[in-house]
Amino acid sequence: MLELVDLRKSHGRTLALDGVSLRVDAGEILGLLGPNGAGKSTLVSLVAGLIAPDAEGGELRLAVAGGVSGSPRDPAVRRHIGLAPQSLALYAELTGAENLRFFAGLQGCRAEEVRARVDWALDFVGLSERRDHRVKTYSGGMARRLNLAAALVHDPALLLLDEPTVGVDPQSRERLLDNILDLRGQGKAVLYTTHYMEEAQRICDRVAIIDRGQLLSVGRTDALLAAHAGKPKLVVEFEDGRETVETDTPLATLNELAEGRAPLGFRVERPTLEQVFLELTGRSLRE
């Protein structure tokens, strides 16, 4: 579906991407995890065809059903990409339906298709009842959902979601994440950028960790955790203090520690992608 080979991009003297190679397949959510300034948004802009790689900046190709293949800089290829940018790309004075009709037209949808696609997209994100309300009356979470609808109204094969849950309430975040999982079920390829490790751990099939423009590691979440975050930790409270033990068998370890004395309480701390990032970079994900 999408393939990047040794992709490079500079902004002036700053090397934003330094030889990134990556692949996203149909029916897959690939999480791009990194702090602000890591290169995530630059990568998304390149894949969307909004900017070009450096002159010797590697190769970027998208191939979809029907034999369409090539660079996203080609409009015929770019029509198969949907982008939900971090900054909302909506017109506040237009209604939800008017926004989607506008974006469907920009993407080349035929007039006879537009109504059905707009209806589907509004229903998909749960905004059918607010279709004729101006966007300026929407809550932050509703605007984020409409932003996603605008990215998929033309039925693209590849979705680029750049921090799609920034600034939304927990209920809206859950709705958005469920929507994204549904898109995977429809066979879409999804490139999902975030610095929220819990989101990536929940919905992504694979995770790519990027920092300072370099891809540090790519793999399934469980494999990354096993390789870089260590074992689960069992923390047990006793009257005379606390004991912390790394273990793959917390229950058996608890029984061993509790032999001859009664624990006051215990918990199991599972490895997280935050620990993976710390191991790879030596700094916090949100620094």
C-alpha atoms as a PDB file:
ATOM      1  CA  MET A   1       0.000   0.000   0.000  1.00  0.00           C
ATOM      2  CA  LEU A   2       2.370   2.749   1.229  1.00  0.00           C
ATOM      3  CA  GLU A   3       6.126   2.409   1.141  1.00  0.00           C
ATOM      4  CA  LEU A   4       8.825   4.849   2.209  1.00  0.00           C
ATOM      5  CA  VAL A   5      12.462   4.122   1.429  1.00  0.00           C
ATOM      6  CA  ASP A   6      15.262   6.206   2.983  1.00  0.00           C
ATOM      7  CA  LEU A   7      13.036   9.297   3.105  1.00  0.00           C
ATOM      8  CA  ARG A   8      14.814  12.576   3.885  1.00  0.00           C
ATOM      9  CA  LYS A   9      13.523  16.115   4.350  1.00  0.00           C
ATOM     10  CA  SER A  10      15.250  19.283   5.532  1.00  0.00           C
ATOM     11  CA  HIS A  11      13.753  22.578   6.669  1.00  0.00           C
ATOM     12  CA  GLY A  12      16.563  25.009   6.102  1.00  0.00           C
ATOM     13  CA  ARG A  13      19.509  23.689   8.088  1.00  0.00           C
ATOM     14  CA  THR A  14      17.315  21.393  10.174  1.00  0.00           C
ATOM     15  CA  LEU A  15      17.114  17.766   9.073  1.00  0.00           C
ATOM     16  CA  ALA A  16      13.496  16.917   9.906  1.00  0.00           C
ATOM     17  CA  LEU A  17      13.607  13.345   8.527  1.00  0.00           C
ATOM     18  CA  ASP A  18      16.831  11.399   8.296  1.00  0.00           C
ATOM     19  CA  GLY A  19      16.541   8.268   6.164  1.00  0.00           C
ATOM     20  CA  VAL A  20      13.132   6.913   7.240  1.00  0.00           C
ATOM     21  CA  SER A  21      12.035   3.587   5.721  1.00  0.00           C
ATOM     22  CA  LEU A  22       8.526   2.356   6.512  1.00  0.00           C
ATOM     23  CA  ARG A  23       5.595   0.385   5.110  1.00  0.00           C
ATOM     24  CA  VAL A  24       1.858   0.502   5.828  1.00  0.00           C
ATOM     25  CA  ASP A  25      -0.394  -2.268   4.471  1.00  0.00           C
ATOM     26  CA  ALA A  26      -4.119  -2.347   3.752  1.00  0.00           C
ATOM     27  CA  GLY A  27      -6.149  -3.251   6.835  1.00  0.00           C
ATOM     28  CA  GLU A  28      -3.384  -2.063   9.175  1.00  0.00           C
ATOM     29  CA  ILE A  29      -3.070   0.768  11.669  1.00  0.00           C
ATOM     30  CA  LEU A  30       0.541   1.873  11.998  1.00  0.00           C
ATOM     31  CA  GLY A  31       1.167   4.195  14.923  1.00  0.00           C
ATOM     32  CA  LEU A  32       3.874   6.828  14.580  1.00  0.00           C
ATOM     33  CA  LEU A  33       4.935   7.599  18.106  1.00  0.00           C
ATOM     34  CA  GLY A  34       7.177  10.458  19.141  1.00  0.00           C
ATOM     35  CA  PRO A  35       7.342  13.776  21.006  1.00  0.00           C
ATOM     36  CA  ASN A  36       6.611  17.155  19.473  1.00  0.00           C
ATOM     37  CA  GLY A  37       9.286  18.020  16.940  1.00  0.00           C
ATOM     38  CA  ALA A  38      10.203  14.389  16.262  1.00  0.00           C
ATOM     39  CA  GLY A  39       9.313  14.591  12.564  1.00  0.00           C
ATOM     40  CA  LYS A  40       5.811  13.086  12.622  1.00  0.00           C
ATOM     41  CA  SER A  41       3.992  15.977  10.972  1.00  0.00           C
ATOM     42  CA  THR A  42       6.723  16.376   8.347  1.00  0.00           C
ATOM     43  CA  LEU A  43       6.358  12.719   7.438  1.00  0.00           C
ATOM     44  CA  VAL A  44       2.573  13.064   7.155  1.00  0.00           C
ATOM     45  CA  SER A  45       2.940  16.145   4.932  1.00  0.00           C
ATOM     46  CA  LEU A  46       5.292  14.217   2.634  1.00  0.00           C
ATOM     47  CA  VAL A  47       2.949  11.230   2.392  1.00  0.00           C
ATOM     48  CA  ALA A  48       0.010  13.566   1.690  1.00  0.00           C
ATOM     49  CA  GLY A  49       1.941  15.155  -1.192  1.00  0.00           C
ATOM     50  CA  LEU A  50       1.849  18.593   0.444  1.00  0.00           C
ATOM     51  CA  ILE A  51       5.636  18.908   0.353  1.00  0.00           C
ATOM     52  CA  ALA A  52       8.368  17.137  -1.608  1.00  0.00           C
ATOM     53  CA  PRO A  53      11.349  15.174  -0.258  1.00  0.00           C
ATOM     54  CA  ASP A  54      14.841  16.595  -0.608  1.00  0.00           C
ATOM     55  CA  ALA A  55      16.463  16.217  -4.013  1.00  0.00           C
ATOM     56  CA  GLU A  56      18.249  13.083  -2.817  1.00  0.00           C
ATOM     57  CA  GLY A  57      15.477  12.314  -0.361  1.00  0.00           C
ATOM     58  CA  GLY A  58      14.662   8.686  -1.045  1.00  0.00           C
ATOM     59  CA  GLU A  59      11.453   7.198  -2.453  1.00  0.00           C
ATOM     60  CA  LEU A  60       7.797   7.398  -1.475  1.00  0.00           C
ATOM     61  CA  ARG A  61       5.162   5.343  -3.310  1.00  0.00           C
ATOM     62  CA  LEU A  62       1.492   4.515  -2.861  1.00  0.00           C
ATOM     63  CA  ALA A  63      -0.150   1.577  -4.647  1.00  0.00           C
ATOM     64  CA  VAL A  64      -3.912   0.940  -4.465  1.00  0.00           C
ATOM     65  CA  ALA A  65      -6.482  -1.290  -6.139  1.00  0.00           C
ATOM     66  CA  GLY A  66      -7.151  -0.583  -9.791  1.00  0.00           C
ATOM     67  CA  GLY A  67      -3.524  -0.250 -10.771  1.00  0.00           C
ATOM     68  CA  VAL A  68      -3.038   3.283  -9.404  1.00  0.00           C
ATOM     69  CA  SER A  69       0.538   3.662  -8.249  1.00  0.00           C
ATOM     70  CA  GLY A  70       3.096   6.402  -7.828  1.00  0.00           C
ATOM     71  CA  SER A  71       4.046   9.464  -5.820  1.00  0.00           C
ATOM     72  CA  PRO A  72       1.446  11.368  -3.759  1.00  0.00           C
ATOM     73  CA  ARG A  73       2.590  14.472  -5.628  1.00  0.00           C
ATOM     74  CA  ASP A  74       0.587  13.050  -8.552  1.00  0.00           C
ATOM     75  CA  PRO A  75      -3.056  14.254  -8.200  1.00  0.00           C
ATOM     76  CA  ALA A  76      -4.359  10.907  -9.490  1.00  0.00           C
ATOM     77  CA  VAL A  77      -2.562   9.164  -6.630  1.00  0.00           C
ATOM     78  CA  ARG A  78      -3.363  11.821  -4.045  1.00  0.00           C
ATOM     79  CA  ARG A  79      -7.120  11.287  -4.543  1.00  0.00           C
ATOM     80  CA  HIS A  80      -6.714   7.943  -2.781  1.00  0.00           C
ATOM     81  CA  ILE A  81      -5.376   9.622   0.382  1.00  0.00           C
ATOM     82  CA  GLY A  82      -7.420  11.164   3.182  1.00  0.00           C
ATOM     83  CA  LEU A  83      -5.787  13.597   5.611  1.00  0.00           C
ATOM     84  CA  ALA A  84      -7.116  14.688   9.003  1.00  0.00           C
ATOM     85  CA  PRO A  85      -4.591  17.336  10.089  1.00  0.00           C
ATOM     86  CA  GLN A  86      -3.813  18.254  13.666  1.00  0.00           C
ATOM     87  CA  SER A  87      -5.159  21.767  13.050  1.00  0.00           C
ATOM     88  CA  LEU A  88      -8.851  21.524  12.206  1.00  0.00           C
ATOM     89  CA  ALA A  89      -9.449  21.979   8.455  1.00  0.00           C
ATOM     90  CA  LEU A  90     -13.064  23.106   8.639  1.00  0.00           C
ATOM     91  CA  TYR A  91     -15.112  26.188   7.763  1.00  0.00           C
ATOM     92  CA  ALA A  92     -16.843  27.437  10.906  1.00  0.00           C
ATOM     93  CA  GLU A  93     -19.590  29.358   9.089  1.00  0.00           C
ATOM     94  CA  LEU A  94     -20.647  26.337   7.033  1.00  0.00           C
ATOM     95  CA  THR A  95     -22.741  23.455   8.325  1.00  0.00           C
ATOM     96  CA  GLY A  96     -21.306  20.000   8.811  1.00  0.00           C
ATOM     97  CA  ALA A  97     -22.947  18.750   5.608  1.00  0.00           C
ATOM     98  CA  GLU A  98     -21.785  21.800   3.632  1.00  0.00           C
ATOM     99  CA  ASN A  99     -18.211  21.229   4.758  1.00  0.00           C
ATOM    100  CA  LEU A 100     -18.315  17.620   3.620  1.00  0.00           C
ATOM    101  CA  ARG A 101     -19.922  18.459   0.276  1.00  0.00           C
ATOM    102  CA  PHE A 102     -17.148  20.982  -0.322  1.00  0.00           C
ATOM    103  CA  PHE A 103     -14.361  18.524   0.486  1.00  0.00           C
ATOM    104  CA  ALA A 104     -15.989  15.744  -1.528  1.00  0.00           C
ATOM    105  CA  GLY A 105     -16.030  18.070  -4.528  1.00  0.00           C
ATOM    106  CA  LEU A 106     -12.378  18.969  -4.048  1.00  0.00           C
ATOM    107  CA  GLN A 107     -11.513  15.262  -4.080  1.00  0.00           C
ATOM    108  CA  GLY A 108     -13.273  14.717  -7.396  1.00  0.00           C
ATOM    109  CA  CYS A 109     -16.370  12.857  -6.218  1.00  0.00           C
ATOM    110  CA  ARG A 110     -19.036  12.747  -8.941  1.00  0.00           C
ATOM    111  CA  ALA A 111     -22.119  14.868  -8.270  1.00  0.00           C
ATOM    112  CA  GLU A 112     -24.368  11.807  -8.059  1.00  0.00           C
ATOM    113  CA  GLU A 113     -22.090  10.274  -5.400  1.00  0.00           C
ATOM    114  CA  VAL A 114     -21.726  13.284  -3.131  1.00  0.00           C
ATOM    115  CA  ARG A 115     -25.036  13.028  -1.269  1.00  0.00           C
ATOM    116  CA  ALA A 116     -24.530   9.353  -0.406  1.00  0.00           C
ATOM    117  CA  ARG A 117     -20.907   9.879   0.644  1.00  0.00           C
ATOM    118  CA  VAL A 118     -21.794  12.861   2.857  1.00  0.00           C
ATOM    119  CA  ASP A 119     -24.652  10.939   4.487  1.00  0.00           C
ATOM    120  CA  TRP A 120     -22.369   7.956   5.103  1.00  0.00           C
ATOM    121  CA  ALA A 121     -19.529  10.039   6.570  1.00  0.00           C
ATOM    122  CA  LEU A 122     -21.834  11.954   8.926  1.00  0.00           C
ATOM    123  CA  ASP A 123     -23.446   8.729  10.104  1.00  0.00           C
ATOM    124  CA  PHE A 124     -20.046   7.077  10.548  1.00  0.00           C
ATOM    125  CA  VAL A 125     -18.849   9.761  12.986  1.00  0.00           C
ATOM    126  CA  GLY A 126     -22.233  10.142  14.697  1.00  0.00           C
ATOM    127  CA  LEU A 127     -23.089  13.633  13.472  1.00  0.00           C
ATOM    128  CA  SER A 128     -26.153  13.022  11.303  1.00  0.00           C
ATOM    129  CA  GLU A 129     -28.393  14.949  13.689  1.00  0.00           C
ATOM    130  CA  ARG A 130     -26.058  17.952  13.536  1.00  0.00           C
ATOM    131  CA  ARG A 131     -25.582  17.911   9.760  1.00  0.00           C
ATOM    132  CA  ASP A 132     -27.368  21.261   9.241  1.00  0.00           C
ATOM    133  CA  HIS A 133     -25.784  23.065  12.191  1.00  0.00           C
ATOM    134  CA  ARG A 134     -22.910  25.466  11.641  1.00  0.00           C
ATOM    135  CA  VAL A 135     -19.533  24.117  12.707  1.00  0.00           C
ATOM    136  CA  LYS A 136     -18.982  27.113  14.982  1.00  0.00           C
ATOM    137  CA  THR A 137     -21.713  25.644  17.237  1.00  0.00           C
ATOM    138  CA  TYR A 138     -19.930  22.269  17.516  1.00  0.00           C
ATOM    139  CA  SER A 139     -18.067  21.160  20.622  1.00  0.00           C
ATOM    140  CA  GLY A 140     -14.359  20.412  20.320  1.00  0.00           C
ATOM    141  CA  GLY A 141     -15.027  16.688  20.150  1.00  0.00           C
ATOM    142  CA  MET A 142     -17.695  17.101  17.468  1.00  0.00           C
ATOM    143  CA  ALA A 143     -15.353  19.244  15.374  1.00  0.00           C
ATOM    144  CA  ARG A 144     -12.661  16.558  15.633  1.00  0.00           C
ATOM    145  CA  ARG A 145     -15.146  13.942  14.444  1.00  0.00           C
ATOM    146  CA  LEU A 146     -16.170  16.115  11.503  1.00  0.00           C
ATOM    147  CA  ASN A 147     -12.475  16.626  10.719  1.00  0.00           C
ATOM    148  CA  LEU A 148     -12.187  12.833  10.425  1.00  0.00           C
ATOM    149  CA  ALA A 149     -15.324  12.688   8.267  1.00  0.00           C
ATOM    150  CA  ALA A 150     -13.826  15.264   5.888  1.00  0.00           C
ATOM    151  CA  ALA A 151     -10.753  13.037   5.507  1.00  0.00           C
ATOM    152  CA  LEU A 152     -12.772   9.968   4.523  1.00  0.00           C
ATOM    153  CA  VAL A 153     -15.778  11.395   2.662  1.00  0.00           C
ATOM    154  CA  HIS A 154     -14.207  10.476  -0.713  1.00  0.00           C
ATOM    155  CA  ASP A 155     -13.544   6.863   0.397  1.00  0.00           C
ATOM    156  CA  PRO A 156      -9.703   6.930   0.336  1.00  0.00           C
ATOM    157  CA  ALA A 157      -7.566   3.804   0.596  1.00  0.00           C
ATOM    158  CA  LEU A 158      -5.028   5.463   2.918  1.00  0.00           C
ATOM    159  CA  LEU A 159      -5.908   7.601   5.948  1.00  0.00           C
ATOM    160  CA  LEU A 160      -3.350   9.973   7.480  1.00  0.00           C
ATOM    161  CA  LEU A 161      -4.450  10.922  10.979  1.00  0.00           C
ATOM    162  CA  ASP A 162      -2.203  13.532  12.605  1.00  0.00           C
ATOM    163  CA  GLU A 163      -2.914  13.751  16.358  1.00  0.00           C
ATOM    164  CA  PRO A 164      -6.685  13.260  15.748  1.00  0.00           C
ATOM    165  CA  THR A 165      -7.682  13.288  19.439  1.00  0.00           C
ATOM    166  CA  VAL A 166      -5.806  16.383  20.626  1.00  0.00           C
ATOM    167  CA  GLY A 167      -7.886  18.508  22.978  1.00  0.00           C
ATOM    168  CA  VAL A 168     -11.029  16.363  23.045  1.00  0.00           C
ATOM    169  CA  ASP A 169     -12.993  15.042  26.008  1.00  0.00           C
ATOM    170  CA  PRO A 170     -12.691  11.346  27.005  1.00  0.00           C
ATOM    171  CA  GLN A 171     -16.065  10.369  25.488  1.00  0.00           C
ATOM    172  CA  SER A 172     -15.205  11.924  22.116  1.00  0.00           C
ATOM    173  CA  ARG A 173     -11.773  10.305  22.223  1.00  0.00           C
ATOM    174  CA  GLU A 174     -13.340   6.877  22.686  1.00  0.00           C
ATOM    175  CA  ARG A 175     -15.727   7.490  19.774  1.00  0.00           C
ATOM    176  CA  LEU A 176     -12.850   8.575  17.525  1.00  0.00           C
ATOM    177  CA  LEU A 177     -10.739   5.549  18.424  1.00  0.00           C
ATOM    178  CA  ASP A 178     -13.663   3.220  17.740  1.00  0.00           C
ATOM    179  CA  ASN A 179     -14.140   4.926  14.348  1.00  0.00           C
ATOM    180  CA  ILE A 180     -10.496   4.353  13.477  1.00  0.00           C
ATOM    181  CA  LEU A 181     -10.720   0.677  14.399  1.00  0.00           C
ATOM    182  CA  ASP A 182     -13.776   0.413  12.140  1.00  0.00           C
ATOM    183  CA  LEU A 183     -11.746   1.871   9.261  1.00  0.00           C
ATOM    184  CA  ARG A 184      -9.170  -0.867   9.696  1.00  0.00           C
ATOM    185  CA  GLY A 185     -11.987  -3.395   9.489  1.00  0.00           C
ATOM    186  CA  GLN A 186     -12.985  -1.852   6.149  1.00  0.00           C
ATOM    187  CA  GLY A 187      -9.517  -2.600   4.789  1.00  0.00           C
ATOM    188  CA  LYS A 188      -8.155   0.942   5.010  1.00  0.00           C
ATOM    189  CA  ALA A 189      -4.484   1.573   5.642  1.00  0.00           C
ATOM    190  CA  VAL A 190      -4.105   4.037   8.521  1.00  0.00           C
ATOM    191  CA  LEU A 191      -1.018   6.019   9.492  1.00  0.00           C
ATOM    192  CA  TYR A 192      -1.756   7.313  12.984  1.00  0.00           C
ATOM    193  CA  THR A 193       0.542   9.881  14.560  1.00  0.00           C
ATOM    194  CA  THR A 194       0.340  10.557  18.263  1.00  0.00           C
ATOM    195  CA  HIS A 195       2.306  11.241  21.397  1.00  0.00           C
ATOM    196  CA  TYR A 196      -0.356   9.510  23.501  1.00  0.00           C
ATOM    197  CA  MET A 197       1.229   6.133  24.174  1.00  0.00           C
ATOM    198  CA  GLU A 198      -1.985   4.622  25.561  1.00  0.00           C
ATOM    199  CA  GLU A 199      -3.806   5.253  22.278  1.00  0.00           C
ATOM    200  CA  ALA A 200      -1.066   3.633  20.221  1.00  0.00           C
ATOM    201  CA  GLN A 201      -0.954   0.668  22.588  1.00  0.00           C
ATOM    202  CA  ARG A 202      -4.713   0.201  22.300  1.00  0.00           C
ATOM    203  CA  ILE A 203      -5.437   0.481  18.565  1.00  0.00           C
ATOM    204  CA  CYS A 204      -2.230   0.067  16.553  1.00  0.00           C
ATOM    205  CA  ASP A 205      -1.188  -3.177  14.895  1.00  0.00           C
ATOM    206  CA  ARG A 206       2.389  -1.956  14.747  1.00  0.00           C
ATOM    207  CA  VAL A 207       4.203   1.027  16.203  1.00  0.00           C
ATOM    208  CA  ALA A 208       7.056   3.050  14.742  1.00  0.00           C
ATOM    209  CA  ILE A 209       9.022   5.118  17.237  1.00  0.00           C
ATOM    210  CA  ILE A 210      10.594   8.274  15.825  1.00  0.00           C
ATOM    211  CA  ASP A 211      12.779  10.891  17.465  1.00  0.00           C
ATOM    212  CA  ARG A 212      14.823  13.755  16.009  1.00  0.00           C
ATOM    213  CA  GLY A 213      13.892  12.639  12.507  1.00  0.00           C
ATOM    214  CA  GLN A 214      15.158   9.089  12.858  1.00  0.00           C
ATOM    215  CA  LEU A 215      13.156   5.886  13.019  1.00  0.00           C
ATOM    216  CA  LEU A 216      14.397   4.087  16.132  1.00  0.00           C
ATOM    217  CA  SER A 217      12.304   0.925  16.084  1.00  0.00           C
ATOM    218  CA  VAL A 218       9.279  -0.589  14.316  1.00  0.00           C
ATOM    219  CA  GLY A 219       7.275  -3.618  15.365  1.00  0.00           C
ATOM    220  CA  ARG A 220       4.190  -5.058  16.982  1.00  0.00           C
ATOM    221  CA  THR A 221       3.460  -3.543  20.362  1.00  0.00           C
ATOM    222  CA  ASP A 222       4.008  -6.762  22.295  1.00  0.00           C
ATOM    223  CA  ALA A 223       7.355  -7.331  20.559  1.00  0.00           C
ATOM    224  CA  LEU A 224       8.550  -3.792  21.321  1.00  0.00           C
ATOM    225  CA  LEU A 225       7.517  -4.144  24.955  1.00  0.00           C
ATOM    226  CA  ALA A 226       9.305  -7.475  25.285  1.00  0.00           C
ATOM    227  CA  ALA A 227      12.463  -6.171  23.633  1.00  0.00           C
ATOM    228  CA  HIS A 228      12.784  -2.788  25.336  1.00  0.00           C
ATOM    229  CA  ALA A 229      10.504  -2.424  28.375  1.00  0.00           C
ATOM    230  CA  GLY A 230      11.359  -5.463  30.484  1.00  0.00           C
ATOM    231  CA  LYS A 231       9.064  -7.763  32.381  1.00  0.00           C
ATOM    232  CA  PRO A 232       5.962  -6.833  34.385  1.00  0.00           C
ATOM    233  CA  LYS A 233       6.719  -5.612  37.901  1.00  0.00           C
ATOM    234  CA  LEU A 234       4.999  -6.983  40.977  1.00  0.00           C
ATOM    235  CA  VAL A 235       4.820  -4.416  43.777  1.00  0.00           C
ATOM    236  CA  VAL A 236       3.845  -5.813  47.187  1.00  0.00           C
ATOM    237  CA  GLU A 237       3.241  -3.785  50.351  1.00  0.00           C
ATOM    238  CA  PHE A 238       4.145  -5.349  53.722  1.00  0.00           C
ATOM    239  CA  GLU A 239       4.076  -3.897  57.210  1.00  0.00           C
ATOM    240  CA  ASP A 240       7.857  -3.604  57.152  1.00  0.00           C
ATOM    241  CA  GLY A 241       8.112  -2.092  53.669  1.00  0.00           C
ATOM    242  CA  ARG A 242       7.604  -2.539  49.948  1.00  0.00           C
ATOM    243  CA  GLU A 243       9.110  -5.135  47.609  1.00  0.00           C
ATOM    244  CA  THR A 244       9.274  -4.789  43.808  1.00  0.00           C
ATOM    245  CA  VAL A 245      10.118  -7.790  41.636  1.00  0.00           C
ATOM    246  CA  GLU A 246      10.247  -8.216  37.850  1.00  0.00           C
ATOM    247  CA  THR A 247       8.375 -11.386  36.939  1.00  0.00           C
ATOM    248  CA  ASP A 248       6.498 -13.136  34.149  1.00  0.00           C
ATOM    249  CA  THR A 249       4.407 -15.020  36.741  1.00  0.00           C
ATOM    250  CA  PRO A 250       3.064 -12.413  39.191  1.00  0.00           C
ATOM    251  CA  LEU A 251       0.735 -14.779  41.061  1.00  0.00           C
ATOM    252  CA  ALA A 252       3.427 -17.380  41.713  1.00  0.00           C
ATOM    253  CA  THR A 253       5.867 -14.660  42.763  1.00  0.00           C
ATOM    254  CA  LEU A 254       3.277 -13.156  45.109  1.00  0.00           C
ATOM    255  CA  ASN A 255       2.779 -16.531  46.784  1.00  0.00           C
ATOM    256  CA  GLU A 256       6.545 -16.853  47.276  1.00  0.00           C
ATOM    257  CA  LEU A 257       6.895 -13.370  48.761  1.00  0.00           C
ATOM    258  CA  ALA A 258       3.852 -13.811  51.007  1.00  0.00           C
ATOM    259  CA  GLU A 259       5.031 -17.082  52.513  1.00  0.00           C
ATOM    260  CA  GLY A 260       5.014 -16.595  56.263  1.00  0.00           C
ATOM    261  CA  ARG A 261       3.760 -12.982  56.175  1.00  0.00           C
ATOM    262  CA  ALA A 262       0.579 -11.252  55.078  1.00  0.00           C
ATOM    263  CA  PRO A 263       0.748  -8.606  52.342  1.00  0.00           C
ATOM    264  CA  LEU A 264      -1.168  -5.373  52.914  1.00  0.00           C
ATOM    265  CA  GLY A 265      -1.729  -4.953  49.180  1.00  0.00           C
ATOM    266  CA  PHE A 266      -0.148  -5.518  45.798  1.00  0.00           C
ATOM    267  CA  ARG A 267      -0.285  -4.386  42.192  1.00  0.00           C
ATOM    268  CA  VAL A 268       1.174  -5.451  38.845  1.00  0.00           C
ATOM    269  CA  GLU A 269       2.782  -2.733  36.717  1.00  0.00           C
ATOM    270  CA  ARG A 270       2.693  -3.731  33.060  1.00  0.00           C
ATOM    271  CA  PRO A 271       5.364  -2.515  30.613  1.00  0.00           C
ATOM    272  CA  THR A 272       4.330   0.521  28.558  1.00  0.00           C
ATOM    273  CA  LEU A 273       5.396   2.214  25.350  1.00  0.00           C
ATOM    274  CA  GLU A 274       6.598   5.108  27.503  1.00  0.00           C
ATOM    275  CA  GLN A 275       9.222   2.746  28.928  1.00  0.00           C
ATOM    276  CA  VAL A 276      10.136   1.617  25.415  1.00  0.00           C
ATOM    277  CA  PHE A 277      10.650   5.225  24.384  1.00  0.00           C
ATOM    278  CA  LEU A 278      12.750   5.956  27.469  1.00  0.00           C
ATOM    279  CA  GLU A 279      14.896   2.921  26.748  1.00  0.00           C
ATOM    280  CA  LEU A 280      15.463   3.946  23.125  1.00  0.00           C
ATOM    281  CA  THR A 281      15.922   7.677  23.543  1.00  0.00           C
ATOM    282  CA  GLY A 282      16.786   8.325  27.175  1.00  0.00           C
ATOM    283  CA  ARG A 283      14.010  10.892  27.509  1.00  0.00           C
ATOM    284  CA  SER A 284      10.300  11.133  28.154  1.00  0.00           C
ATOM    285  CA  LEU A 285       7.801  10.801  25.347  1.00  0.00           C
ATOM    286  CA  ARG A 286       6.277  14.182  26.169  1.00  0.00           C
ATOM    287  CA  GLU A 287       9.436  16.243  26.649  1.00  0.00           C
END
